[in-house]
Amino acid sequence: MNKKSLLWSIASLMLLASMILTACGGAATQVPATQAPATQAPATEAPAATQAPAATSAPTGSFLDRAMAGEFKGTTVTATGPFVDQDAQKFAATMADFQAKTGITIQYTGSKEFEATIKASIEGGTAPDIIDFPQPGLLASFAKEGKITDLGTQLDVAAIKANYNQYWIDQSMMPGKDGTPIMAGIFERGNGKGFVYYPKKAFDAAGYKVPTTFDELTALEDQMVKDGSTPWCIGIESGAATGWVATDWMENIMLRTTTPENYDAWVAGKLPFSSPEVTNAATIMAKIWQNPKYVYGGTATIVKTSFGDSTLPMFDAAGPKCFMNMNGNFITSFFPKGTVAGVDYGAFYFPPIDPKYGSPMEAAGDIWGATNTKPEAMAVMQYFTKAEHLKVWMQQGGAIALQKDADLSWYGSDVDRVVGAALKDANTVRFDASDLMPGAVGAGTFWKEMTSFVSGAEDLPTALKNVDASWPK
């Protein structure tokens, strides 16, 4: 075979081989010329062995898990609220374990003028990371201005809902800047209101019995006066918040003299303060407060006496100067050091006035809002959703857990245990009305006008009409 014939044969064989490979699917394994093979790293990408370490990937786990793992160690979370004196110390004790385990510093500053100072700091752009609001209505006003973080975009909402009664979830949802509801806060602790505290030893020694109806309460008051004693210890002075004790009394009486629906309408501004229902509640309260024989020091001392100091005459060394003080369960923080629940003092729930309304539970609580989304701040907010973080405070007294994972055995006294069970099991619960109302009313004119009425500066109709006139249009 000549050279030309040989070359032609080789070419023919190569063409035939190519046809066979194509027929067998060889084309499916081919890589287009414009694409690198699957096993080859793109020219613009480092080889797999030299890629950045996994530490640069998105963090995993909840904010609290990450905090407990030390991720935020060395950071500081600034906080403020109305906790001062004993309550500030108890809050610090509550947060000590969290700080030790996470390395996060909680820098808390309390203020007796909280309502005024927080407004100035938020509007001035100097607000702390997290804020404790005793009035959800005040928090709502800032949420509406777009100055509060929507926690629903940061935390595990399903887990939060699973650990709270739906009522507390509903109360945490507030309109945001565009009107859409946001989860504006987390309820850390609650307070049962409407509990009447009394010096147990002297009360029992005098033969007094805990009243179960309003008529029995009135008979007890009259018996105390007949015995030469004074029934009530009352004080409403509280700095810029002076007057809130009077609103608590009115709210408890409202719940016992009208429907829960009317109470809700009152909170929403649909039932005026000058209405027969609200006027009736204020009148019933006034019959006690304006009777000089019923109040230690007489009516004139009510406005001048601090709400915390008002309890002290019950424990006077020479014997009680007054026998009853109605307040939230937190008031025990102001009792003399060393007083023991069930021994030195007892408590009963303010009795029903109209039997058909019974004694619904009035509650209040501390709802924390955040002004930013710092991960360390979110970790603290998530920490608040766990009842165990309140254990120290529950043991010391003054805090009622709203979280379902709370254990009644954590309470340090039988009295707090009763309050905790009542708040947990109540069929009808309503939040403190003044705390839910717009801040200008609930933490403003309602307090102010009731103080003016109690002091004698205004009559009741004028005070109630003034509150109505202040309602935001």
Protein backbone atom coordinates (compact mmCIF):
# COMPACT_ATOMS: atom_id res chain seq x y z
CA MET A 1 0.00 0.00 0.00
CA ASN A 2 1.38 3.40 -0.96
CA LYS A 3 1.67 6.28 1.48
CA LYS A 4 -1.39 8.08 0.13
CA SER A 5 -3.56 4.98 0.49
CA LEU A 6 -2.29 4.45 4.06
CA LEU A 7 -3.19 7.99 5.13
CA TRP A 8 -6.64 7.61 3.60
CA SER A 9 -7.25 4.38 5.56
CA ILE A 10 -6.19 5.96 8.88
CA ALA A 11 -8.52 8.92 8.28
CA SER A 12 -11.39 6.59 7.51
CA LEU A 13 -10.83 4.61 10.70
CA MET A 14 -10.77 7.79 12.84
CA LEU A 15 -14.06 8.99 11.30
CA LEU A 16 -15.66 5.62 11.98
CA ALA A 17 -14.51 5.68 15.67
CA SER A 18 -15.95 9.14 16.10
CA MET A 19 -19.32 8.03 14.75
CA ILE A 20 -19.38 5.02 17.10
CA LEU A 21 -18.63 7.22 20.17
CA THR A 22 -21.36 9.68 19.24
CA ALA A 23 -23.91 6.89 18.80
CA CYS A 24 -23.02 5.51 22.25
CA GLY A 25 -23.81 8.81 24.03
CA GLY A 26 -20.37 10.21 24.18
CA ALA A 27 -21.76 13.74 23.49
CA ALA A 28 -23.75 13.72 26.80
CA THR A 29 -20.55 13.64 28.81
CA GLN A 30 -18.93 16.39 26.89
CA VAL A 31 -18.46 19.76 28.58
CA PRO A 32 -19.23 22.82 26.48
CA ALA A 33 -16.22 24.83 25.61
CA THR A 34 -17.58 27.82 27.49
CA GLN A 35 -17.97 25.91 30.78
CA ALA A 36 -15.34 24.45 33.06
CA PRO A 37 -15.64 20.77 33.93
CA ALA A 38 -17.78 20.09 37.01
CA THR A 39 -14.78 18.88 38.96
CA GLN A 40 -12.72 21.93 38.14
CA ALA A 41 -12.95 25.12 40.19
CA PRO A 42 -13.97 28.19 38.22
CA ALA A 43 -11.16 30.50 37.32
CA THR A 44 -12.54 33.23 39.59
CA GLU A 45 -12.92 30.97 42.63
CA ALA A 46 -10.24 29.67 44.99
CA PRO A 47 -9.82 25.91 45.11
CA ALA A 48 -12.03 24.22 47.71
CA ALA A 49 -9.06 23.53 49.95
CA THR A 50 -8.29 27.23 50.26
CA GLN A 51 -11.86 28.54 50.76
CA ALA A 52 -12.63 30.78 53.78
CA PRO A 53 -13.23 28.86 57.02
CA ALA A 54 -16.77 28.08 58.16
CA ALA A 55 -16.57 30.80 60.85
CA THR A 56 -17.45 33.41 58.23
CA SER A 57 -20.79 31.71 57.48
CA ALA A 58 -24.06 32.95 59.00
CA PRO A 59 -24.32 32.31 62.78
CA THR A 60 -26.54 29.44 63.84
CA GLY A 61 -28.70 28.98 66.92
CA SER A 62 -30.92 31.43 68.78
CA PHE A 63 -29.61 34.70 70.15
CA LEU A 64 -29.74 33.23 73.65
CA ASP A 65 -27.88 30.07 72.61
CA ARG A 66 -25.19 32.17 70.95
CA ALA A 67 -24.92 34.38 74.02
CA MET A 68 -24.55 31.37 76.31
CA ALA A 69 -21.82 30.08 73.98
CA GLY A 70 -19.89 33.28 74.64
CA GLU A 71 -20.31 34.84 71.20
CA PHE A 72 -21.21 38.25 72.63
CA LYS A 73 -18.78 38.24 75.53
CA GLY A 74 -17.46 41.72 76.34
CA THR A 75 -20.48 43.57 74.95
CA THR A 76 -22.77 45.85 76.96
CA VAL A 77 -26.55 46.16 76.85
CA THR A 78 -27.87 49.47 78.15
CA ALA A 79 -31.23 49.36 79.89
CA THR A 80 -33.59 51.62 81.79
CA GLY A 81 -36.93 51.44 83.56
CA PRO A 82 -38.77 52.41 86.72
CA PHE A 83 -36.95 49.93 88.98
CA VAL A 84 -35.25 51.84 91.80
CA ASP A 85 -34.15 51.04 95.35
CA GLN A 86 -35.21 47.49 96.35
CA ASP A 87 -36.60 46.62 92.93
CA ALA A 88 -33.41 47.75 91.21
CA GLN A 89 -31.42 45.50 93.52
CA LYS A 90 -33.72 42.56 92.81
CA PHE A 91 -33.46 43.13 89.07
CA ALA A 92 -29.67 43.19 89.35
CA ALA A 93 -29.75 39.90 91.27
CA THR A 94 -32.02 38.44 88.61
CA MET A 95 -29.57 39.31 85.82
CA ALA A 96 -26.39 38.25 87.65
CA ASP A 97 -26.46 34.66 86.40
CA PHE A 98 -27.01 35.76 82.79
CA GLN A 99 -24.08 38.17 82.96
CA ALA A 100 -21.79 35.56 84.50
CA LYS A 101 -22.61 32.93 81.87
CA THR A 102 -22.58 35.18 78.81
CA GLY A 103 -20.00 37.83 79.63
CA ILE A 104 -22.56 40.46 78.59
CA THR A 105 -22.79 43.47 80.91
CA ILE A 106 -26.27 44.78 81.67
CA GLN A 107 -25.91 48.49 82.33
CA TYR A 108 -29.20 49.39 84.01
CA THR A 109 -30.22 52.88 85.15
CA GLY A 110 -33.55 53.28 86.95
CA SER A 111 -35.57 56.45 87.36
CA LYS A 112 -38.44 57.58 89.55
CA GLU A 113 -39.25 60.05 86.77
CA PHE A 114 -39.22 57.29 84.16
CA GLU A 115 -42.16 58.48 82.06
CA ALA A 116 -40.61 61.89 81.51
CA THR A 117 -36.99 60.80 81.09
CA ILE A 118 -37.67 58.01 78.61
CA LYS A 119 -39.70 60.31 76.38
CA ALA A 120 -36.81 62.77 76.27
CA SER A 121 -34.19 60.10 75.54
CA ILE A 122 -36.16 58.39 72.78
CA GLU A 123 -37.07 61.62 71.06
CA GLY A 124 -33.50 62.88 71.51
CA GLY A 125 -31.97 59.78 69.97
CA THR A 126 -30.17 58.71 73.14
CA ALA A 127 -32.42 55.84 74.15
CA PRO A 128 -30.82 52.72 75.69
CA ASP A 129 -30.89 49.35 73.93
CA ILE A 130 -33.82 47.96 75.94
CA ILE A 131 -36.50 49.67 78.00
CA ASP A 132 -38.85 48.37 80.68
CA PHE A 133 -42.31 49.89 80.25
CA PRO A 134 -44.76 49.47 83.14
CA GLN A 135 -47.38 51.02 80.83
CA PRO A 136 -47.95 49.21 77.52
CA GLY A 137 -49.81 52.31 76.36
CA LEU A 138 -46.60 54.33 76.60
CA LEU A 139 -44.70 51.66 74.66
CA ALA A 140 -47.46 51.69 72.03
CA SER A 141 -47.00 55.40 71.43
CA PHE A 142 -43.31 54.88 70.60
CA ALA A 143 -44.05 51.80 68.48
CA LYS A 144 -46.44 53.91 66.42
CA GLU A 145 -43.64 56.42 65.84
CA GLY A 146 -41.45 53.65 64.46
CA LYS A 147 -38.93 53.85 67.29
CA ILE A 148 -39.40 50.32 68.66
CA THR A 149 -38.05 47.07 67.16
CA ASP A 150 -40.51 44.49 65.87
CA LEU A 151 -39.41 41.49 67.91
CA GLY A 152 -41.49 39.25 65.67
CA THR A 153 -38.79 39.65 63.01
CA GLN A 154 -35.99 38.76 65.41
CA LEU A 155 -37.17 36.11 67.89
CA ASP A 156 -38.91 32.74 67.66
CA VAL A 157 -42.53 33.86 67.88
CA ALA A 158 -43.89 30.30 67.98
CA ALA A 159 -41.77 29.53 71.05
CA ILE A 160 -42.92 32.73 72.75
CA LYS A 161 -46.58 31.98 72.07
CA ALA A 162 -46.16 28.48 73.46
CA ASN A 163 -44.91 29.85 76.79
CA TYR A 164 -47.50 32.59 77.39
CA ASN A 165 -51.23 32.87 77.81
CA GLN A 166 -52.67 34.31 74.59
CA TYR A 167 -53.81 37.40 76.52
CA TRP A 168 -50.19 38.48 77.06
CA ILE A 169 -49.34 37.89 73.40
CA ASP A 170 -52.30 40.05 72.38
CA GLN A 171 -51.14 42.82 74.71
CA SER A 172 -47.66 42.78 73.17
CA MET A 173 -48.97 43.36 69.63
CA MET A 174 -49.15 47.07 68.81
CA PRO A 175 -49.52 49.13 65.62
CA GLY A 176 -46.19 50.03 64.04
CA LYS A 177 -45.40 53.13 62.03
CA ASP A 178 -47.45 51.97 59.04
CA GLY A 179 -50.32 50.76 61.21
CA THR A 180 -49.45 47.08 60.86
CA PRO A 181 -49.27 45.29 64.25
CA ILE A 182 -45.80 44.42 65.46
CA MET A 183 -44.58 42.47 68.49
CA ALA A 184 -43.45 45.55 70.37
CA GLY A 185 -42.34 43.91 73.59
CA ILE A 186 -41.82 40.93 75.87
CA PHE A 187 -43.56 40.65 79.23
CA GLU A 188 -40.87 39.83 81.76
CA ARG A 189 -42.88 39.66 84.97
CA GLY A 190 -46.42 40.38 86.12
CA ASN A 191 -48.17 41.80 89.13
CA GLY A 192 -51.49 40.77 90.55
CA LYS A 193 -53.39 43.88 91.62
CA GLY A 194 -56.28 44.33 94.00
CA PHE A 195 -54.74 42.42 96.90
CA VAL A 196 -55.38 43.77 100.38
CA TYR A 197 -52.45 43.29 102.78
CA TYR A 198 -52.86 43.32 106.55
CA PRO A 199 -50.76 42.78 109.71
CA LYS A 200 -51.75 39.20 110.38
CA LYS A 201 -50.89 38.85 114.07
CA ALA A 202 -52.76 41.97 115.18
CA PHE A 203 -55.60 41.31 112.69
CA ASP A 204 -56.16 37.81 114.04
CA ALA A 205 -55.73 38.90 117.68
CA ALA A 206 -58.47 41.49 117.22
CA GLY A 207 -60.82 38.79 116.01
CA TYR A 208 -61.17 40.25 112.52
CA LYS A 209 -62.20 37.97 109.67
CA VAL A 210 -61.22 38.25 106.02
CA PRO A 211 -64.23 39.71 104.17
CA THR A 212 -65.65 37.81 101.22
CA THR A 213 -68.14 40.47 100.06
CA PHE A 214 -68.08 44.25 99.85
CA ASP A 215 -70.76 44.46 102.54
CA GLU A 216 -68.53 42.42 104.83
CA LEU A 217 -65.63 44.75 104.02
CA THR A 218 -67.75 47.77 104.96
CA ALA A 219 -68.78 46.08 108.22
CA LEU A 220 -65.10 45.34 108.96
CA GLU A 221 -64.16 48.98 108.36
CA ASP A 222 -66.87 50.14 110.75
CA GLN A 223 -65.83 47.61 113.39
CA MET A 224 -62.23 48.82 113.23
CA VAL A 225 -63.37 52.41 113.71
CA LYS A 226 -65.55 51.33 116.63
CA ASP A 227 -62.51 49.61 118.16
CA GLY A 228 -60.56 52.86 117.93
CA SER A 229 -58.47 51.70 114.97
CA THR A 230 -58.10 53.02 111.42
CA PRO A 231 -59.01 50.67 108.54
CA TRP A 232 -56.87 51.92 105.65
CA CYS A 233 -53.26 52.90 105.01
CA ILE A 234 -53.27 54.89 101.75
CA GLY A 235 -50.60 56.93 99.98
CA ILE A 236 -50.38 57.91 96.32
CA GLU A 237 -47.21 60.03 96.15
CA SER A 238 -44.80 58.63 93.54
CA GLY A 239 -42.87 61.52 92.04
CA ALA A 240 -43.98 62.24 88.49
CA ALA A 241 -46.21 59.15 88.68
CA THR A 242 -48.19 60.41 91.68
CA GLY A 243 -51.78 59.25 91.47
CA TRP A 244 -51.39 55.76 90.03
CA VAL A 245 -52.60 54.12 93.26
CA ALA A 246 -55.92 55.94 92.88
CA THR A 247 -56.28 54.64 89.33
CA ASP A 248 -55.66 51.08 90.56
CA TRP A 249 -58.50 51.40 93.04
CA MET A 250 -60.85 52.70 90.36
CA GLU A 251 -59.90 49.90 87.98
CA ASN A 252 -60.56 47.18 90.55
CA ILE A 253 -63.91 48.72 91.38
CA MET A 254 -64.79 49.04 87.68
CA LEU A 255 -64.14 45.31 87.19
CA ARG A 256 -66.53 44.57 90.06
CA THR A 257 -69.35 46.93 89.05
CA THR A 258 -69.63 46.57 85.26
CA THR A 259 -68.87 44.18 82.43
CA PRO A 260 -65.40 43.35 81.09
CA GLU A 261 -66.63 44.74 77.76
CA ASN A 262 -67.33 48.11 79.36
CA TYR A 263 -63.89 48.01 80.94
CA ASP A 264 -62.37 47.39 77.50
CA ALA A 265 -64.41 50.23 76.01
CA TRP A 266 -63.15 52.52 78.75
CA VAL A 267 -59.56 51.57 77.97
CA ALA A 268 -60.18 52.27 74.27
CA GLY A 269 -61.69 55.68 74.91
CA LYS A 270 -65.17 54.60 73.84
CA LEU A 271 -66.66 54.76 77.35
CA PRO A 272 -66.03 58.28 78.70
CA PHE A 273 -64.70 58.94 82.19
CA SER A 274 -67.82 61.03 82.75
CA SER A 275 -70.05 58.02 81.98
CA PRO A 276 -72.31 56.62 84.74
CA GLU A 277 -70.15 53.46 84.95
CA VAL A 278 -66.83 55.22 85.57
CA THR A 279 -68.40 57.89 87.77
CA ASN A 280 -69.94 55.14 89.90
CA ALA A 281 -66.56 53.45 90.40
CA ALA A 282 -64.92 56.72 91.41
CA THR A 283 -67.78 57.47 93.81
CA ILE A 284 -67.47 54.11 95.58
CA MET A 285 -63.74 54.71 96.01
CA ALA A 286 -64.36 58.24 97.29
CA LYS A 287 -66.70 57.00 100.03
CA ILE A 288 -63.68 55.24 101.56
CA TRP A 289 -60.94 57.74 100.74
CA GLN A 290 -62.88 60.82 101.82
CA ASN A 291 -63.95 59.37 105.15
CA PRO A 292 -61.36 60.73 107.65
CA LYS A 293 -62.16 57.88 110.02
CA TYR A 294 -61.24 55.31 107.40
CA VAL A 295 -57.81 56.64 106.37
CA TYR A 296 -54.73 56.90 108.58
CA GLY A 297 -53.84 60.58 108.93
CA GLY A 298 -57.04 61.63 107.19
CA THR A 299 -57.68 62.35 103.52
CA ALA A 300 -55.17 65.22 103.43
CA THR A 301 -52.24 62.85 103.96
CA ILE A 302 -53.04 60.60 101.00
CA VAL A 303 -51.40 62.81 98.37
CA LYS A 304 -48.39 63.58 100.58
CA THR A 305 -47.60 59.98 101.57
CA SER A 306 -45.41 57.80 99.36
CA PHE A 307 -47.17 54.66 98.20
CA GLY A 308 -44.33 52.54 99.67
CA ASP A 309 -44.22 54.37 103.00
CA SER A 310 -47.99 54.10 103.35
CA THR A 311 -47.56 50.45 104.34
CA LEU A 312 -45.23 51.09 107.28
CA PRO A 313 -47.85 52.12 109.88
CA MET A 314 -49.26 48.58 109.65
CA PHE A 315 -46.02 47.33 111.18
CA ASP A 316 -45.50 49.99 113.85
CA ALA A 317 -43.69 48.57 116.89
CA ALA A 318 -46.41 49.87 119.21
CA GLY A 319 -49.12 48.18 117.19
CA PRO A 320 -50.80 48.80 113.82
CA LYS A 321 -51.91 52.37 113.20
CA CYS A 322 -53.94 51.13 110.26
CA PHE A 323 -54.92 47.64 109.18
CA MET A 324 -55.26 47.39 105.40
CA ASN A 325 -53.36 48.46 102.29
CA MET A 326 -54.57 47.58 98.80
CA ASN A 327 -51.87 47.28 96.17
CA GLY A 328 -50.09 45.05 93.70
CA ASN A 329 -48.07 42.14 95.04
CA PHE A 330 -44.87 44.13 94.45
CA ILE A 331 -45.72 46.25 97.50
CA THR A 332 -44.13 43.63 99.77
CA SER A 333 -40.75 45.00 98.64
CA PHE A 334 -41.55 48.05 100.77
CA PHE A 335 -42.44 46.16 103.94
CA PRO A 336 -39.95 46.39 106.81
CA LYS A 337 -36.99 44.07 106.43
CA GLY A 338 -37.60 40.75 108.11
CA THR A 339 -41.39 40.65 107.77
CA VAL A 340 -42.55 37.15 106.95
CA ALA A 341 -45.50 36.31 104.72
CA GLY A 342 -48.17 34.30 106.48
CA VAL A 343 -46.74 35.30 109.86
CA ASP A 344 -46.31 39.06 109.94
CA TYR A 345 -48.71 39.78 107.10
CA GLY A 346 -51.50 38.16 105.17
CA ALA A 347 -53.45 39.12 102.07
CA PHE A 348 -56.89 38.72 100.54
CA TYR A 349 -58.32 39.66 97.17
CA PHE A 350 -60.54 42.76 97.14
CA PRO A 351 -64.05 41.26 97.45
CA PRO A 352 -66.80 41.45 94.83
CA ILE A 353 -69.14 44.43 94.94
CA ASP A 354 -71.88 43.29 92.56
CA PRO A 355 -72.07 39.47 92.74
CA LYS A 356 -72.88 39.11 89.04
CA TYR A 357 -69.46 40.50 88.09
CA GLY A 358 -67.45 38.59 90.70
CA SER A 359 -63.77 39.49 91.18
CA PRO A 360 -61.96 39.44 87.81
CA MET A 361 -58.21 39.54 88.05
CA GLU A 362 -56.57 42.89 87.41
CA ALA A 363 -53.00 42.49 86.35
CA ALA A 364 -50.09 44.67 85.44
CA GLY A 365 -46.63 43.84 84.27
CA ASP A 366 -43.30 44.92 82.90
CA ILE A 367 -43.09 44.78 79.13
CA TRP A 368 -39.63 45.33 77.67
CA GLY A 369 -39.16 46.94 74.29
CA ALA A 370 -35.98 47.29 72.24
CA THR A 371 -34.76 50.27 70.25
CA ASN A 372 -32.37 48.33 68.00
CA THR A 373 -31.52 44.81 66.83
CA LYS A 374 -28.10 44.33 68.43
CA PRO A 375 -27.70 40.55 68.89
CA GLU A 376 -26.69 40.92 72.54
CA ALA A 377 -29.84 42.97 73.19
CA MET A 378 -31.96 40.34 71.44
CA ALA A 379 -30.36 37.68 73.64
CA VAL A 380 -31.51 39.56 76.75
CA MET A 381 -35.02 39.89 75.33
CA GLN A 382 -35.14 36.17 74.66
CA TYR A 383 -33.87 35.52 78.18
CA PHE A 384 -36.89 37.40 79.52
CA THR A 385 -39.23 34.87 77.88
CA LYS A 386 -37.98 32.08 80.17
CA ALA A 387 -39.54 31.91 83.65
CA GLU A 388 -36.39 30.51 85.22
CA HIS A 389 -34.64 33.87 84.84
CA LEU A 390 -37.14 35.25 87.41
CA LYS A 391 -36.46 32.54 89.98
CA VAL A 392 -34.30 34.73 92.24
CA TRP A 393 -36.86 37.54 92.25
CA MET A 394 -39.72 35.11 92.84
CA GLN A 395 -37.91 33.72 95.87
CA GLN A 396 -37.25 37.20 97.26
CA GLY A 397 -40.83 38.33 96.61
CA GLY A 398 -42.35 40.98 94.39
CA ALA A 399 -42.38 39.23 91.01
CA ILE A 400 -45.08 37.03 89.51
CA ALA A 401 -44.11 34.91 86.51
CA LEU A 402 -46.39 35.10 83.47
CA GLN A 403 -44.49 32.39 81.59
CA LYS A 404 -46.09 28.95 81.52
CA ASP A 405 -42.84 27.19 82.42
CA ALA A 406 -42.86 28.80 85.88
CA ASP A 407 -43.00 26.49 88.89
CA LEU A 408 -45.14 27.62 91.84
CA SER A 409 -42.55 26.14 94.21
CA TRP A 410 -40.14 28.91 93.14
CA TYR A 411 -42.14 31.52 95.05
CA GLY A 412 -40.62 32.41 98.38
CA SER A 413 -43.92 32.86 100.20
CA ASP A 414 -47.37 31.32 100.31
CA VAL A 415 -48.86 34.76 99.65
CA ASP A 416 -46.97 35.18 96.37
CA ARG A 417 -47.80 31.59 95.50
CA VAL A 418 -51.51 32.40 95.86
CA VAL A 419 -51.10 35.47 93.65
CA GLY A 420 -49.15 33.49 91.07
CA ALA A 421 -51.74 30.74 90.93
CA ALA A 422 -54.59 33.24 90.74
CA LEU A 423 -52.98 35.11 87.85
CA LYS A 424 -52.13 31.90 86.04
CA ASP A 425 -55.59 30.34 86.43
CA ALA A 426 -57.92 33.35 86.28
CA ASN A 427 -60.78 32.98 83.77
CA THR A 428 -61.10 36.73 83.29
CA VAL A 429 -57.99 38.88 83.29
CA ARG A 430 -57.78 42.56 82.48
CA PHE A 431 -54.63 44.63 82.35
CA ASP A 432 -54.30 47.81 84.38
CA ALA A 433 -56.47 50.31 82.46
CA SER A 434 -54.28 53.36 82.96
CA ASP A 435 -51.27 51.39 81.72
CA LEU A 436 -53.09 50.49 78.50
CA MET A 437 -54.49 53.92 77.76
CA PRO A 438 -52.53 56.38 75.59
CA GLY A 439 -49.57 57.68 77.58
CA ALA A 440 -50.95 61.23 77.66
CA VAL A 441 -53.99 59.92 79.52
CA GLY A 442 -52.99 56.78 81.41
CA ALA A 443 -49.63 58.12 82.58
CA GLY A 444 -50.79 61.72 82.44
CA THR A 445 -54.19 63.23 83.06
CA PHE A 446 -55.72 60.17 84.74
CA TRP A 447 -53.02 60.29 87.43
CA LYS A 448 -53.06 64.08 87.63
CA GLU A 449 -56.83 64.55 87.79
CA MET A 450 -57.35 61.84 90.39
CA THR A 451 -54.66 63.50 92.49
CA SER A 452 -56.42 66.85 92.13
CA PHE A 453 -59.71 65.26 93.17
CA VAL A 454 -58.25 63.44 96.17
CA SER A 455 -56.43 66.58 97.33
CA GLY A 456 -59.67 68.58 97.16
CA ALA A 457 -58.44 70.88 94.38
CA GLU A 458 -61.26 69.70 92.07
CA ASP A 459 -64.60 68.00 92.45
CA LEU A 460 -65.17 64.60 90.87
CA PRO A 461 -67.23 65.67 87.81
CA THR A 462 -64.59 68.27 86.87
CA ALA A 463 -61.72 65.83 87.24
CA LEU A 464 -63.43 63.20 85.07
CA LYS A 465 -64.38 65.69 82.37
CA ASN A 466 -60.80 66.96 82.27
CA VAL A 467 -59.53 63.45 81.58
CA ASP A 468 -62.05 63.06 78.75
CA ALA A 469 -60.93 66.36 77.24
CA SER A 470 -57.29 65.17 77.18
CA TRP A 471 -57.95 62.03 75.13
CA PRO A 472 -55.93 62.16 71.89
CA LYS A 473 -58.13 62.99 68.92
